[in-house]
Protein backbone atom coordinates (compact mmCIF):
# COMPACT_ATOMS: atom_id res chain seq x y z
CA MET A 1 33.16 -18.77 -2.00
CA SER A 2 31.77 -15.26 -1.83
CA PRO A 3 31.10 -13.58 1.55
CA GLU A 4 27.39 -13.39 0.66
CA ILE A 5 27.12 -17.17 0.23
CA VAL A 6 29.07 -17.75 3.44
CA ASN A 7 26.67 -15.46 5.29
CA MET A 8 23.64 -17.31 3.88
CA ILE A 9 25.07 -20.66 4.98
CA LYS A 10 25.78 -19.27 8.45
CA GLU A 11 22.22 -17.92 8.80
CA ALA A 12 20.74 -21.22 7.67
CA ALA A 13 22.96 -23.20 10.07
CA ASP A 14 22.12 -20.94 13.00
CA MET A 15 18.39 -21.30 12.30
CA PHE A 16 18.74 -25.08 12.04
CA VAL A 17 20.53 -25.44 15.38
CA PHE A 18 18.07 -23.14 17.12
CA LEU A 19 14.93 -24.85 15.78
CA ALA A 20 16.30 -28.37 16.24
CA ALA A 21 17.20 -27.84 19.90
CA GLU A 22 14.09 -25.88 20.81
CA LEU A 23 11.54 -28.11 19.08
CA THR A 24 13.14 -31.38 20.15
CA ILE A 25 13.05 -30.41 23.82
CA LEU A 26 9.51 -29.12 23.48
CA PHE A 27 8.25 -32.28 21.79
CA LEU A 28 9.78 -34.60 24.39
CA VAL A 29 8.53 -32.59 27.37
CA VAL A 30 4.98 -32.09 26.10
CA SER A 31 4.66 -35.66 24.82
CA TYR A 32 5.82 -37.05 28.16
CA LEU A 33 3.29 -34.96 30.08
CA VAL A 34 0.51 -36.03 27.72
CA GLY A 35 1.64 -39.64 28.16
CA ILE A 36 1.26 -39.32 31.92
CA LEU A 37 -2.27 -37.97 31.39
CA GLN A 38 -3.09 -40.87 29.08
CA GLU A 39 -2.16 -43.29 31.87
CA PHE A 40 -5.25 -42.11 33.74
CA LEU A 41 -7.53 -41.32 30.79
CA THR A 42 -7.47 -44.46 28.66
CA PRO A 43 -9.13 -44.94 25.25
CA GLU A 44 -11.75 -47.11 26.92
CA LYS A 45 -12.66 -44.29 29.30
CA ILE A 46 -12.94 -41.82 26.42
CA GLN A 47 -15.19 -44.17 24.49
CA SER A 48 -17.31 -44.65 27.59
CA ILE A 49 -17.63 -40.90 28.17
CA LEU A 50 -18.61 -40.10 24.60
CA SER A 51 -20.90 -43.12 24.28
CA SER A 52 -22.85 -42.21 27.41
CA ARG A 53 -23.53 -38.67 26.28
CA LYS A 54 -25.30 -39.58 23.04
CA GLY A 55 -25.04 -36.30 21.18
CA LYS A 56 -23.98 -34.05 24.06
CA GLY A 57 -20.61 -32.99 25.37
CA TYR A 58 -19.21 -31.37 22.24
CA PHE A 59 -16.53 -29.40 24.07
CA ILE A 60 -15.60 -32.48 26.05
CA ALA A 61 -15.15 -34.38 22.78
CA ALA A 62 -12.81 -31.66 21.48
CA LEU A 63 -10.73 -31.67 24.66
CA LEU A 64 -10.55 -35.46 24.71
CA GLY A 65 -9.50 -35.46 21.09
CA ALA A 66 -6.63 -33.15 21.99
CA ILE A 67 -4.82 -35.84 23.99
CA THR A 68 -4.94 -38.54 21.30
CA PRO A 69 -3.72 -40.62 19.55
CA PHE A 70 -2.96 -43.43 21.98
CA CYS A 71 -0.04 -45.84 21.41
CA SER A 72 0.38 -46.34 17.66
CA CYS A 73 -3.29 -45.80 16.94
CA SER A 74 -4.47 -42.88 14.84
CA THR A 75 -7.63 -40.82 14.79
CA ILE A 76 -9.34 -43.02 12.19
CA PRO A 77 -9.14 -46.38 14.04
CA PHE A 78 -10.21 -44.65 17.24
CA LEU A 79 -13.14 -43.07 15.39
CA LYS A 80 -14.20 -46.55 14.29
CA GLY A 81 -14.16 -47.61 17.92
CA LEU A 82 -16.47 -44.73 18.80
CA LEU A 83 -18.85 -45.73 16.01
CA ARG A 84 -19.00 -49.32 17.28
CA ALA A 85 -19.57 -48.01 20.79
CA ARG A 86 -22.54 -46.02 19.41
CA ALA A 87 -21.20 -42.69 20.61
CA GLY A 88 -23.11 -39.57 19.63
CA PHE A 89 -22.50 -38.56 16.01
CA GLY A 90 -21.95 -34.88 16.82
CA PRO A 91 -19.24 -35.44 19.45
CA MET A 92 -17.59 -38.01 17.16
CA MET A 93 -17.28 -35.40 14.41
CA VAL A 94 -15.93 -32.88 16.92
CA PHE A 95 -13.35 -35.49 17.88
CA LEU A 96 -12.45 -36.04 14.21
CA PHE A 97 -11.96 -32.33 13.52
CA GLY A 98 -10.31 -31.41 16.79
CA SER A 99 -7.98 -34.36 17.37
CA PRO A 100 -5.27 -33.46 14.84
CA LEU A 101 -5.59 -29.70 15.34
CA LEU A 102 -5.68 -29.42 19.14
CA ASN A 103 -2.74 -31.73 19.78
CA PRO A 104 -0.74 -30.33 22.75
CA VAL A 105 2.49 -30.69 20.78
CA ILE A 106 1.09 -28.46 18.03
CA ILE A 107 -0.14 -25.92 20.57
CA GLY A 108 3.28 -25.95 22.22
CA LEU A 109 4.98 -25.43 18.85
CA PHE A 110 2.70 -22.46 18.23
CA VAL A 111 3.61 -20.92 21.58
CA VAL A 112 7.38 -21.15 21.17
CA THR A 113 7.33 -20.29 17.45
CA PHE A 114 4.72 -17.55 17.12
CA GLY A 115 3.90 -16.50 20.68
CA VAL A 116 1.05 -16.99 23.13
CA LYS A 117 -1.36 -14.65 21.33
CA VAL A 118 -1.18 -16.60 18.06
CA ALA A 119 -1.41 -19.93 19.89
CA VAL A 120 -4.52 -18.86 21.81
CA PHE A 121 -6.14 -17.58 18.62
CA TYR A 122 -5.40 -20.86 16.83
CA PHE A 123 -6.73 -22.92 19.75
CA LEU A 124 -9.98 -20.95 20.00
CA VAL A 125 -10.62 -21.09 16.26
CA ALA A 126 -9.96 -24.85 16.08
CA MET A 127 -12.10 -25.48 19.16
CA VAL A 128 -15.07 -23.30 18.17
CA VAL A 129 -15.19 -24.42 14.54
CA SER A 130 -14.83 -28.10 15.46
CA VAL A 131 -17.65 -27.91 18.00
CA THR A 132 -19.89 -25.87 15.70
CA ALA A 133 -19.31 -28.16 12.75
CA GLY A 134 -20.06 -31.27 14.80
CA PHE A 135 -23.29 -29.74 16.12
CA VAL A 136 -24.46 -28.54 12.69
CA LEU A 137 -23.65 -31.80 10.90
CA GLU A 138 -25.60 -33.74 13.51
CA LYS A 139 -28.60 -31.43 13.25
CA LEU A 140 -28.53 -31.69 9.44
CA GLY A 141 -28.69 -35.46 9.67
CA PHE A 142 -25.31 -36.24 8.16
CA GLU A 143 -25.17 -39.40 10.24
CA ARG A 144 -27.03 -41.07 7.38
CA TYR A 145 -23.83 -40.79 5.34
CA VAL A 146 -21.92 -43.15 7.64
CA ARG A 147 -21.41 -46.54 6.00
CA LYS A 148 -23.29 -49.37 7.68
CA GLU A 149 -20.21 -51.58 7.78
CA ALA A 150 -18.43 -48.97 9.92
CA TYR A 151 -20.68 -49.96 12.84
CA GLU A 152 -19.78 -53.63 12.59
CA THR A 153 -17.51 -55.05 15.27
CA ALA A 154 -14.10 -55.94 13.93
CA GLU A 155 -12.57 -59.30 14.67
CA THR A 156 -9.56 -59.03 16.93
CA GLY A 157 -6.82 -61.38 17.96
CA SER A 158 -5.58 -61.61 21.48
CA SER A 159 -6.13 -58.81 23.91
CA CYS A 160 -2.40 -58.49 24.01
CA GLY A 161 -2.20 -57.46 20.39
CA SER A 162 -5.13 -55.07 20.33
CA SER A 163 -4.22 -53.15 23.45
CA CYS A 164 -0.98 -51.93 21.96
CA GLY A 165 -2.33 -50.94 18.60
CA ASP A 166 -1.23 -54.17 16.90
CA THR A 167 -4.04 -55.51 14.74
CA LYS A 168 -2.35 -58.87 14.13
CA PRO A 169 -2.97 -61.67 16.63
CA ALA A 170 0.04 -62.36 18.75
CA PRO A 171 1.34 -65.92 18.57
CA VAL A 172 0.82 -68.04 21.67
CA ALA A 173 3.98 -69.80 22.82
CA ALA A 174 5.58 -70.85 26.05
CA ALA A 175 7.54 -67.61 26.25
CA SER A 176 4.72 -65.36 25.07
CA CYS A 177 3.17 -62.73 27.31
CA CYS A 178 -0.15 -63.81 25.83
CA THR A 179 0.18 -67.28 27.32
CA SER A 180 -3.02 -68.98 28.34
CA LYS A 181 -1.77 -69.16 31.92
CA PRO A 182 -3.24 -66.43 34.13
CA VAL A 183 -1.14 -63.33 34.64
CA PRO A 184 -1.64 -61.09 37.68
CA ALA A 185 -4.15 -58.32 36.95
CA ALA A 186 -1.72 -55.62 38.00
CA THR A 187 0.53 -56.43 35.07
CA SER A 188 0.03 -56.04 31.34
CA CYS A 189 1.81 -57.73 28.45
CA CYS A 190 2.43 -54.29 27.02
CA ASP A 191 3.60 -52.75 30.28
CA SER A 192 5.92 -55.46 31.52
CA LYS A 193 8.89 -57.60 30.59
CA ALA A 194 8.45 -61.36 30.45
CA SER A 195 11.14 -64.00 30.87
CA VAL A 196 11.07 -67.78 31.01
CA ASP A 197 12.84 -69.65 33.80
CA VAL A 198 13.11 -73.37 34.48
CA ASN A 199 12.09 -74.63 37.91
CA ALA A 200 13.45 -77.64 39.81
CA ASN A 201 11.10 -80.00 37.98
CA GLY A 202 12.36 -78.83 34.60
CA GLU A 203 9.12 -76.95 33.79
CA ALA A 204 9.14 -73.58 32.03
CA VAL A 205 7.86 -70.84 34.30
CA LEU A 206 6.83 -67.43 32.99
CA THR A 207 8.07 -64.54 35.10
CA VAL A 208 6.53 -61.13 34.53
CA LYS A 209 8.38 -58.11 35.83
CA GLU A 210 6.22 -55.00 36.07
CA GLU A 211 7.77 -51.88 34.60
CA SER A 212 7.64 -48.48 36.23
CA ARG A 213 4.81 -46.29 34.94
CA TRP A 214 7.17 -43.37 34.43
CA MET A 215 9.64 -45.47 32.45
CA ARG A 216 6.81 -46.94 30.38
CA VAL A 217 5.62 -43.46 29.46
CA TRP A 218 9.17 -42.40 28.63
CA ARG A 219 9.63 -45.39 26.31
CA ALA A 220 6.38 -44.51 24.52
CA THR A 221 7.43 -40.86 24.28
CA TRP A 222 10.81 -41.78 22.82
CA LYS A 223 9.16 -44.16 20.35
CA ASP A 224 6.78 -41.42 19.20
CA PHE A 225 9.67 -38.99 18.89
CA LYS A 226 11.62 -41.38 16.67
CA GLN A 227 8.57 -41.74 14.42
CA VAL A 228 8.03 -37.98 14.18
CA PHE A 229 11.70 -36.99 14.01
CA PRO A 230 12.12 -37.46 10.21
CA TYR A 231 9.20 -35.10 9.59
CA LEU A 232 10.43 -32.63 12.17
CA LEU A 233 13.93 -32.75 10.71
CA ALA A 234 12.61 -32.28 7.17
CA GLY A 235 10.65 -29.22 8.24
CA ILE A 236 13.63 -27.75 10.08
CA LEU A 237 15.96 -28.37 7.13
CA LEU A 238 13.55 -26.83 4.63
CA GLY A 239 12.79 -23.91 6.92
CA SER A 240 16.47 -23.27 7.54
CA PHE A 241 17.18 -23.34 3.81
CA ILE A 242 14.38 -20.86 3.13
CA TYR A 243 15.57 -18.62 5.96
CA GLY A 244 19.14 -18.58 4.68
CA PHE A 245 18.78 -18.62 0.90
CA ILE A 246 15.33 -17.45 -0.28
CA PRO A 247 15.12 -13.66 -0.79
CA THR A 248 12.75 -11.91 1.56
CA ASP A 249 11.27 -9.82 -1.25
CA MET A 250 10.13 -12.92 -3.16
CA ILE A 251 8.11 -14.37 -0.28
CA ALA A 252 6.69 -10.99 0.70
CA LYS A 253 5.61 -10.40 -2.90
CA TYR A 254 3.55 -13.58 -3.26
CA ALA A 255 2.56 -14.43 0.33
CA GLY A 256 2.63 -11.07 2.10
CA ALA A 257 -0.25 -9.44 3.91
CA GLY A 258 -1.22 -7.38 0.87
CA ASN A 259 -2.20 -10.38 -1.29
CA TRP A 260 -5.82 -11.43 -0.74
CA TYR A 261 -5.36 -14.71 -2.61
CA ALA A 262 -2.44 -15.87 -0.44
CA ILE A 263 -4.72 -17.23 2.30
CA PRO A 264 -7.03 -19.47 0.21
CA VAL A 265 -4.08 -20.70 -1.86
CA ALA A 266 -2.18 -21.63 1.32
CA ALA A 267 -5.25 -23.45 2.69
CA VAL A 268 -5.82 -25.42 -0.52
CA ILE A 269 -2.21 -26.52 -1.03
CA GLY A 270 -1.96 -27.58 2.62
CA ILE A 271 -4.12 -30.68 2.08
CA PRO A 272 -2.35 -32.37 -0.87
CA LEU A 273 0.98 -31.11 0.48
CA TYR A 274 0.57 -33.61 3.34
CA ILE A 275 3.11 -32.08 5.71
CA ARG A 276 2.70 -33.01 9.35
CA ALA A 277 2.19 -30.08 11.69
CA GLU A 278 5.46 -30.95 13.43
CA ALA A 279 7.18 -30.19 10.11
CA VAL A 280 5.05 -27.36 8.75
CA ILE A 281 5.36 -25.19 11.87
CA PRO A 282 9.18 -24.87 11.79
CA LEU A 283 8.86 -24.37 8.03
CA SER A 284 6.28 -21.64 8.63
CA ALA A 285 8.54 -19.96 11.18
CA ALA A 286 11.11 -19.40 8.45
CA LEU A 287 8.44 -18.17 6.03
CA VAL A 288 7.23 -15.62 8.59
CA GLN A 289 10.79 -14.42 9.12
CA LYS A 290 10.99 -13.86 5.37
CA GLY A 291 7.77 -11.89 5.14
CA MET A 292 4.89 -14.38 4.78
CA ALA A 293 1.75 -13.08 6.46
CA LEU A 294 0.65 -14.92 9.61
CA GLY A 295 -2.87 -15.24 8.19
CA SER A 296 -1.49 -17.29 5.31
CA VAL A 297 0.64 -19.35 7.70
CA MET A 298 -2.44 -20.06 9.82
CA ALA A 299 -4.32 -21.29 6.75
CA LEU A 300 -1.41 -23.47 5.65
CA ILE A 301 -1.03 -25.13 9.05
CA ILE A 302 -4.75 -25.83 9.52
CA GLY A 303 -5.07 -27.19 5.98
CA SER A 304 -2.09 -29.53 6.30
CA ALA A 305 -2.76 -30.65 9.90
CA GLY A 306 -6.55 -30.89 9.65
CA ALA A 307 -6.75 -33.07 6.55
CA SER A 308 -4.60 -34.94 4.07
CA LEU A 309 -5.11 -37.14 1.05
CA THR A 310 -4.17 -40.18 3.13
CA GLU A 311 -6.74 -39.33 5.78
CA VAL A 312 -9.44 -38.80 3.17
CA ILE A 313 -8.70 -42.23 1.68
CA LEU A 314 -8.99 -43.82 5.12
CA LEU A 315 -12.24 -41.99 5.80
CA LYS A 316 -13.71 -43.52 2.62
CA SER A 317 -14.03 -46.78 4.55
CA ILE A 318 -16.25 -45.01 7.10
CA PHE A 319 -18.09 -42.24 5.28
CA LYS A 320 -19.94 -41.84 2.01
CA ASN A 321 -18.91 -39.14 -0.48
CA GLN A 322 -21.32 -36.55 0.96
CA MET A 323 -19.69 -36.81 4.37
CA ILE A 324 -16.19 -36.67 2.86
CA ALA A 325 -17.17 -33.47 1.05
CA ALA A 326 -18.54 -32.02 4.29
CA PHE A 327 -15.32 -32.91 6.12
CA LEU A 328 -13.13 -31.17 3.52
CA THR A 329 -15.45 -28.16 3.43
CA VAL A 330 -15.15 -27.72 7.20
CA ILE A 331 -11.34 -27.96 7.16
CA LEU A 332 -10.92 -25.59 4.22
CA GLY A 333 -13.48 -23.19 5.64
CA MET A 334 -11.70 -23.24 9.01
CA ALA A 335 -8.32 -22.63 7.39
CA ILE A 336 -9.46 -19.77 5.17
CA GLY A 337 -11.67 -18.22 7.85
CA ALA A 338 -8.89 -18.33 10.44
CA GLY A 339 -6.47 -16.71 8.01
CA TYR A 340 -8.74 -13.81 7.14
CA LEU A 341 -9.95 -13.35 10.73
CA TYR A 342 -6.40 -13.18 12.06
CA THR A 343 -5.48 -10.67 9.37
CA TYR A 344 -8.54 -8.56 10.21
CA LEU A 345 -7.97 -8.62 13.98
CA PHE A 346 -4.19 -8.42 14.20
CA GLY A 347 -2.87 -7.77 10.69
């Protein structure tokens, strides 16, 4: 094996170890802190806040969107909950735009990967555009493009199933936490461990042991990490390969700061590419090291994190085609605008 190939492998391996350690620690720490915050700011409280404002509180909607999703829920099911709660249309749209883009994990990845200046720029652009788009869409009357069935109340099973993001009714049995016997209000079937004991009369007795709040948050954080880890690993592997084996001149030629078309192309391919931000950011770090302009990277990240083909398909159950087109226009406009603005200000 030639010394050049050995050197490429070494560079790729070094980049992989560095990104894997740094981003894993960051994800766990930030996710745990957000989990603690979610203990006090529940989905019900968010729905109540947005429902009571009826068209106001756009910045509040963006900030609240930043700390979601809750449990295994995603933005789309939560958006349906806001619709059924008759929250203001404008704040709901701000929530839809801002939730995937203002995620604290993404902001943290920006800070450690590209620096505070880039992270602040990204945050401000995502915040301002999300709020502006929600306000404008409400004033233009785009609420008429929400499907009527989206306001209908969905049938749910037991409260035990719905509170943990499980849409299937939980079976009721003697050993189930959803037993018809009353359970102390301080405990929750999702926050506690249940066991069945037999008393002196031979009757089954349900014993509920409350779990520590901190341990409950850690279990949720670890569960989220295991779900995200394959995407994070894929991004790190691909980024490390690019860093070690792709010639710098090639990336600089097609995606460097001198190519005006690099930004819109990056924004457009970000949507069908469907790469989670946790994966695209470490990938982008390698591209920047190889000469890709930060404006193009910004467009790629916003396009891939802000929308995806899967999300658009899910939104079809809520919105008519006109609203879907408006949603995609906002995301693409945000991505392209952020790319060119960053290039103009800092390029």
